Protein backbone atom coordinates (compact mmCIF):
# COMPACT_ATOMS: atom_id res chain seq x y z
CA MET A 1 26.19 4.86 18.35
CA ALA A 2 28.25 7.20 16.60
CA ASP A 3 30.15 4.33 15.34
CA HIS A 4 27.69 4.45 12.17
CA ASP A 5 28.59 8.36 11.13
CA HIS A 6 30.71 7.60 8.13
CA SER A 7 30.96 11.39 6.89
CA GLY A 8 30.47 14.85 7.94
CA ALA A 9 27.83 15.74 5.91
CA ALA A 10 24.42 17.33 6.97
CA ARG A 11 21.61 14.46 8.18
CA VAL A 12 18.32 14.36 7.77
CA VAL A 13 17.37 11.37 10.19
CA VAL A 14 13.89 9.69 9.33
CA GLY A 15 11.81 6.61 11.60
CA VAL A 16 10.40 4.37 9.16
CA SER A 17 8.07 1.64 10.04
CA GLY A 18 6.39 0.66 6.89
CA SER A 19 2.56 2.46 8.45
CA LEU A 20 0.99 5.26 6.17
CA GLY A 21 2.28 7.50 8.64
CA SER A 22 5.82 6.61 8.47
CA LEU A 23 5.50 6.67 4.76
CA THR A 24 4.66 10.33 4.65
CA ALA A 25 7.21 11.51 7.29
CA LEU A 26 10.03 9.75 4.86
CA CYS A 27 8.39 11.46 2.05
CA ARG A 28 8.65 15.10 4.07
CA ALA A 29 12.09 14.05 5.39
CA ALA A 30 13.56 13.11 1.68
CA GLN A 31 12.12 16.74 0.92
CA GLU A 32 13.35 18.17 3.78
CA ALA A 33 17.18 16.59 3.02
CA ARG A 34 16.65 17.68 -0.79
CA SER A 35 16.16 21.56 0.58
CA ARG A 36 19.28 21.50 2.77
CA GLY A 37 21.83 19.88 0.49
CA ALA A 38 21.62 16.49 3.67
CA GLU A 39 21.98 13.34 3.70
CA LEU A 40 19.02 11.18 4.10
CA TRP A 41 19.26 8.51 6.85
CA PRO A 42 15.95 6.53 6.83
CA VAL A 43 16.28 4.26 10.22
CA LEU A 44 14.21 1.25 10.93
CA ALA A 45 14.16 0.19 14.66
CA TRP A 46 13.68 -3.85 15.68
CA GLU A 47 13.51 -5.48 18.85
CA PRO A 48 13.14 -9.40 19.52
CA PRO A 49 9.73 -10.99 19.74
CA GLY A 50 8.56 -10.51 23.19
CA GLY A 51 11.48 -7.48 23.80
CA GLN A 52 14.98 -7.88 24.63
CA LEU A 53 14.17 -9.30 28.27
CA VAL A 54 12.55 -11.93 26.90
CA ALA A 55 15.48 -12.97 24.06
CA ASN A 56 18.27 -12.62 27.08
CA ARG A 57 16.79 -15.71 28.47
CA SER A 58 17.19 -17.35 25.56
CA THR A 59 20.79 -19.11 24.85
CA ALA A 60 20.17 -19.11 20.81
CA SER A 61 19.72 -15.17 21.08
CA CYS A 62 22.30 -14.63 19.08
CA VAL A 63 22.00 -17.22 16.15
CA GLN A 64 18.00 -16.00 16.29
CA ALA A 65 19.14 -11.93 16.18
CA TYR A 66 20.09 -12.64 12.34
CA GLU A 67 16.49 -14.10 11.61
CA TRP A 68 14.88 -11.53 13.64
CA ARG A 69 16.74 -8.41 11.89
CA GLU A 70 16.27 -10.02 8.30
CA PRO A 71 12.52 -9.39 8.29
CA ALA A 72 13.28 -5.63 9.63
CA ARG A 73 15.75 -5.31 6.17
CA GLU A 74 12.76 -6.14 4.31
CA ARG A 75 10.42 -4.27 5.91
CA LEU A 76 12.96 -0.84 5.27
CA LEU A 77 13.72 -1.82 2.01
CA THR A 78 9.55 -2.32 0.84
CA ALA A 79 9.17 1.03 2.58
CA LEU A 80 11.94 2.65 0.39
CA ARG A 81 10.23 1.47 -2.46
CA ASP A 82 6.64 2.13 -1.56
CA ALA A 83 7.86 5.89 -1.25
CA PHE A 84 10.14 6.68 -3.41
CA GLY A 85 9.66 3.72 -6.28
CA GLU A 86 13.04 2.32 -8.20
CA GLU A 87 14.75 6.00 -8.61
CA GLY A 88 14.98 6.93 -5.28
CA PRO A 89 14.52 9.52 -2.98
CA GLY A 90 16.84 11.83 -5.17
CA VAL A 91 19.47 12.72 -2.34
CA ALA A 92 22.12 10.67 -1.34
CA MET A 93 20.73 8.23 1.36
CA CYS A 94 22.02 5.87 3.45
CA ALA A 95 19.44 3.57 5.10
CA LEU A 96 20.05 1.74 8.73
CA VAL A 97 18.17 -1.16 10.65
CA ALA A 98 18.57 -0.29 14.30
CA HIS A 99 18.76 -2.92 17.30
CA GLY A 100 16.52 -1.34 20.14
CA THR A 101 12.89 0.84 20.63
CA PRO A 102 11.99 3.04 17.81
CA ALA A 103 12.29 6.09 20.17
CA ARG A 104 15.69 5.29 21.75
CA ALA A 105 16.92 4.26 18.30
CA LEU A 106 15.94 7.65 16.45
CA VAL A 107 17.75 9.26 19.25
CA ASP A 108 20.95 7.31 19.25
CA VAL A 109 21.40 7.87 15.50
CA ALA A 110 20.47 11.64 15.50
CA ASP A 111 23.10 12.26 17.69
CA ARG A 112 24.48 15.38 16.00
CA VAL A 113 23.54 18.89 16.73
CA ASP A 114 23.17 19.89 13.20
CA ASP A 115 20.92 17.19 12.55
CA VAL A 116 16.67 16.96 11.68
CA LEU A 117 14.97 14.20 13.30
CA VAL A 118 12.18 13.50 11.15
CA VAL A 119 8.79 11.48 12.54
CA GLY A 120 5.42 10.72 12.37
CA ALA A 121 2.93 12.81 14.63
CA GLY A 122 0.99 9.32 14.66
CA ARG A 123 -2.66 9.26 15.59
CA ARG A 124 -4.23 11.44 17.82
CA GLY A 125 -6.93 9.16 18.79
CA LEU A 126 -7.56 9.31 23.08
CA TRP A 127 -7.09 5.58 23.27
CA HIS A 128 -3.40 6.01 21.32
CA ARG A 129 -1.86 9.16 23.94
CA ALA A 130 -3.28 7.02 27.10
CA PHE A 131 -1.84 3.80 26.54
CA GLY A 132 0.22 3.79 23.46
CA PRO A 133 3.87 4.98 23.97
CA SER A 134 4.51 7.81 21.40
CA VAL A 135 8.06 7.64 19.41
CA SER A 136 7.46 11.78 18.55
CA ARG A 137 7.27 12.77 22.02
CA TYR A 138 9.85 10.74 23.31
CA CYS A 139 11.75 11.84 20.46
CA LEU A 140 11.10 15.74 21.20
CA ALA A 141 11.96 15.21 24.44
CA HIS A 142 15.47 13.61 24.19
CA ALA A 143 16.73 14.37 21.10
CA HIS A 144 19.84 17.19 20.58
CA CYS A 145 19.22 18.17 17.37
CA PRO A 146 15.70 20.00 15.89
CA VAL A 147 12.67 17.45 15.23
CA LEU A 148 10.37 17.52 13.07
CA ALA A 149 6.59 15.99 13.68
CA VAL A 150 5.09 15.68 10.49
CA PRO A 151 0.98 14.92 10.85
CA PRO A 152 -0.64 11.92 8.81
CA SER A 153 -1.86 11.90 5.60
CA PRO A 154 -5.79 13.19 5.32
CA LEU A 155 -6.45 10.26 3.42
CA GLU A 156 -5.49 8.19 6.30
CA ALA A 157 -8.22 9.03 8.23
CA GLU A 158 -10.54 8.29 4.98
CA LEU A 159 -8.70 5.03 4.48
CA ALA A 160 -9.22 4.03 8.33
CA ALA A 161 -12.94 4.99 8.31
CA LEU A 162 -13.11 2.86 4.83
CA HIS A 163 -11.81 -0.26 6.80
CA ARG A 164 -14.02 0.01 9.62
CA ARG A 165 -17.30 0.18 7.50
CA ASN A 166 -15.34 -3.03 5.53
CA ALA A 167 -15.06 -4.63 9.25
CA TRP A 168 -18.57 -4.22 10.42
CA ARG A 169 -19.50 -5.10 6.53
CA LEU A 170 -21.56 -1.82 6.28
CA ARG A 171 -22.56 -0.64 2.28
CA LEU A 172 -19.95 1.67 0.83
CA ASP A 173 -21.71 5.08 0.49
CA THR A 174 -20.73 6.52 -3.23
CA GLY A 175 -22.66 9.21 -3.77
CA ASP A 176 -19.80 11.26 -1.80
CA PHE A 177 -16.94 9.83 -4.20
CA ARG A 178 -19.34 10.84 -7.38
CA GLU A 179 -19.86 14.70 -6.23
CA ARG A 180 -15.83 14.51 -5.28
CA GLN A 181 -15.34 13.45 -8.82
CA GLN A 182 -17.65 15.81 -10.50
CA ALA A 183 -16.81 18.78 -8.59
CA VAL A 184 -13.13 18.21 -9.70
CA ARG A 185 -13.58 16.95 -13.12
CA PRO A 186 -10.92 18.46 -15.40
CA GLU A 187 -11.14 20.87 -17.87
CA SER A 188 -11.64 19.94 -21.53
C-alpha cells in the first residue's frame, strides 16, 4: 500500500474505530504529530459484512463495496469531529479509509521506518485477551516502525460501570459524586 504515500513528511499513523479508546489514541496521536512536526494519518479499516470470503462469493460485491465503504467514511468523519471539533487537530492531516482488517491495514499504511504508529491498547480483561483479536499486539509484532500503545482512559472504566448498572437496572449511588464534587470545589 505504498501508493498512498503522497509526501516525504514524517507521519503519525493512528487507528480509528470511533470507540472511546480509539478517540483517546487519536488525541494522543495528534499531540505526537504536533511535537514531531509530522502529518497526522488517521486510518479507519473496514471489511464487508461477514468478512472478505463471504463477499467474494457474491457477484455483486464490487457494486456493494461502495455501500460498505461509505458508512466507514462517515464513521471516520464523525470520530474526527468528536475528537477535534470543527477547528481540527492543529496539524496537517490525511484521513484514510482502508479496506482490510484493522491490524493489517494499520501495518500496511505505517510502512516507513520513520513513521510512528499509535494504537489503542484496548480492554485488559481476561475475556478480551483470550477471545478477542488484539490489534495492538499484531501491530507491535509486525510493524516496521515504532508503535505507541495508548492505554484506555480511566473514564472509560467508569462509563462501563455505569452502563452495567443501567443494564441491571440498579440505582445509581450519587454519594461518591457529591463527595468528589465537594473535594474539587473551585476556590471563590
